[in-house]
């Protein structure tokens, strides 16, 4: 009986880890696509932290981030973003361009399909 309980626990842990890895991978790909479409250079590398969620980002904060992004010379102007929501997933990144390193946080839709804003 103990063996069955251990197996069930192992299966649950494994499935949880696989689901989390899938979300991480999907979020990273969404941000990579966003960078590919909106960076002014192709000569960069990016490192990601662990995907996390937040509900502490207001519409006004999203607006400020988008306004600041328009002033950022590394990114193209007129970036297309996803719609705002009440909860976001986010990834912190280190973007290396030559000898410079840029720390950015990307906020994504809960389904991880679109970037809503970044700072």
Protein backbone atom coordinates (compact mmCIF):
# COMPACT_ATOMS: atom_id res chain seq x y z
CA UNK A 1 0.00 0.00 0.00
CA UNK A 2 2.85 2.41 0.81
CA UNK A 3 4.33 1.76 -2.64
CA UNK A 4 1.11 2.86 -4.37
CA UNK A 5 0.96 6.04 -2.28
CA UNK A 6 4.58 6.83 -3.12
CA UNK A 7 3.95 6.20 -6.82
CA UNK A 8 0.90 8.46 -6.80
CA UNK A 9 2.86 11.20 -5.06
CA UNK A 10 5.73 10.85 -7.54
CA UNK A 11 3.33 11.05 -10.48
CA UNK A 12 1.70 14.20 -9.06
CA UNK A 13 5.05 15.90 -8.50
CA UNK A 14 6.25 14.95 -11.99
CA UNK A 15 3.09 16.24 -13.66
CA UNK A 16 3.27 19.50 -11.71
CA UNK A 17 6.87 20.02 -12.79
CA UNK A 18 6.08 19.25 -16.42
CA UNK A 19 3.17 21.72 -16.46
CA UNK A 20 5.36 24.41 -14.93
CA UNK A 21 8.14 23.80 -17.45
CA UNK A 22 5.64 24.04 -20.30
CA UNK A 23 4.42 27.44 -19.09
CA UNK A 24 7.98 28.67 -18.64
CA UNK A 25 8.87 27.58 -22.16
CA UNK A 26 5.75 29.17 -23.65
CA UNK A 27 6.39 32.47 -21.82
CA UNK A 28 10.03 32.53 -22.93
CA UNK A 29 9.01 31.92 -26.54
CA UNK A 30 6.43 34.72 -26.38
CA UNK A 31 9.06 37.14 -25.07
CA UNK A 32 11.63 35.94 -27.64
CA UNK A 33 9.10 36.55 -30.44
CA UNK A 34 8.32 39.98 -28.97
CA UNK A 35 12.02 40.88 -28.86
CA UNK A 36 12.58 39.59 -32.39
CA UNK A 37 9.75 41.77 -33.68
CA UNK A 38 10.53 44.89 -31.64
CA UNK A 39 14.28 45.16 -31.00
CA UNK A 40 16.24 47.45 -33.30
CA UNK A 41 19.15 44.99 -33.34
CA UNK A 42 19.41 41.26 -33.94
CA UNK A 43 22.72 41.02 -32.11
CA UNK A 44 21.65 40.22 -28.55
CA UNK A 45 21.21 37.32 -26.14
CA UNK A 46 18.62 36.94 -23.41
CA UNK A 47 18.55 35.13 -20.06
CA UNK A 48 15.25 34.47 -18.27
CA UNK A 49 14.29 34.07 -14.62
CA UNK A 50 11.49 31.84 -13.39
CA UNK A 51 7.96 32.72 -14.53
CA UNK A 52 5.82 34.27 -11.79
CA UNK A 53 2.47 36.02 -11.46
CA UNK A 54 1.23 39.30 -10.04
CA UNK A 55 -2.03 41.17 -9.61
CA UNK A 56 -0.31 44.32 -8.37
CA UNK A 57 0.09 46.03 -11.73
CA UNK A 58 -2.44 48.78 -12.39
CA UNK A 59 -3.66 50.10 -15.73
CA UNK A 60 -1.83 53.37 -15.03
CA UNK A 61 1.42 51.44 -14.45
CA UNK A 62 0.90 49.61 -17.75
CA UNK A 63 0.34 52.96 -19.46
CA UNK A 64 3.56 54.39 -17.93
CA UNK A 65 5.57 51.35 -19.00
CA UNK A 66 4.26 51.62 -22.56
CA UNK A 67 5.01 55.36 -22.66
CA UNK A 68 8.55 54.78 -21.39
CA UNK A 69 9.06 52.01 -23.96
CA UNK A 70 8.34 54.52 -26.73
CA UNK A 71 11.30 56.59 -25.48
CA UNK A 72 13.66 53.60 -25.34
CA UNK A 73 16.05 53.69 -28.32
CA UNK A 74 16.69 49.94 -28.22
CA UNK A 75 13.09 49.12 -29.19
CA UNK A 76 11.06 50.04 -32.25
CA UNK A 77 8.32 52.66 -32.01
CA UNK A 78 4.63 51.70 -32.28
CA UNK A 79 4.88 48.36 -30.47
CA UNK A 80 1.68 46.28 -30.53
CA UNK A 81 0.74 44.95 -27.09
CA UNK A 82 -1.84 42.54 -25.71
CA UNK A 83 -4.91 43.81 -23.86
CA UNK A 84 -4.71 44.64 -20.17
CA UNK A 85 -6.01 42.24 -17.55
CA UNK A 86 -6.36 42.00 -13.77
CA UNK A 87 -3.58 39.46 -13.33
CA UNK A 88 -0.35 38.99 -15.25
CA UNK A 89 2.45 36.51 -15.58
CA UNK A 90 5.89 38.05 -15.71
CA UNK A 91 9.44 37.16 -16.63
CA UNK A 92 12.51 39.11 -15.62
CA UNK A 93 15.27 39.09 -18.21
CA UNK A 94 18.84 40.13 -18.79
CA UNK A 95 19.31 41.23 -22.38
CA UNK A 96 22.96 41.39 -23.40
CA UNK A 97 23.79 43.70 -26.31
CA UNK A 98 27.51 43.76 -26.91
CA UNK A 99 29.08 44.76 -23.59
CA UNK A 100 25.84 46.26 -22.25
CA UNK A 101 23.31 44.39 -20.13
CA UNK A 102 19.71 45.54 -19.93
CA UNK A 103 17.41 44.26 -17.15
CA UNK A 104 13.77 44.13 -18.28
CA UNK A 105 10.59 42.69 -16.82
CA UNK A 106 7.98 41.52 -19.31
CA UNK A 107 4.32 41.30 -18.28
CA UNK A 108 2.25 38.76 -20.20
CA UNK A 109 -1.39 37.80 -20.55
CA UNK A 110 -2.40 34.93 -18.22
CA UNK A 111 -2.47 32.56 -21.23
CA UNK A 112 1.13 33.64 -22.04
CA UNK A 113 0.32 34.52 -25.66
CA UNK A 114 1.03 38.26 -25.64
CA UNK A 115 3.27 40.80 -23.93
CA UNK A 116 1.18 43.51 -22.28
CA UNK A 117 4.02 45.82 -21.21
CA UNK A 118 7.64 45.81 -20.12
CA UNK A 119 9.93 47.91 -17.97
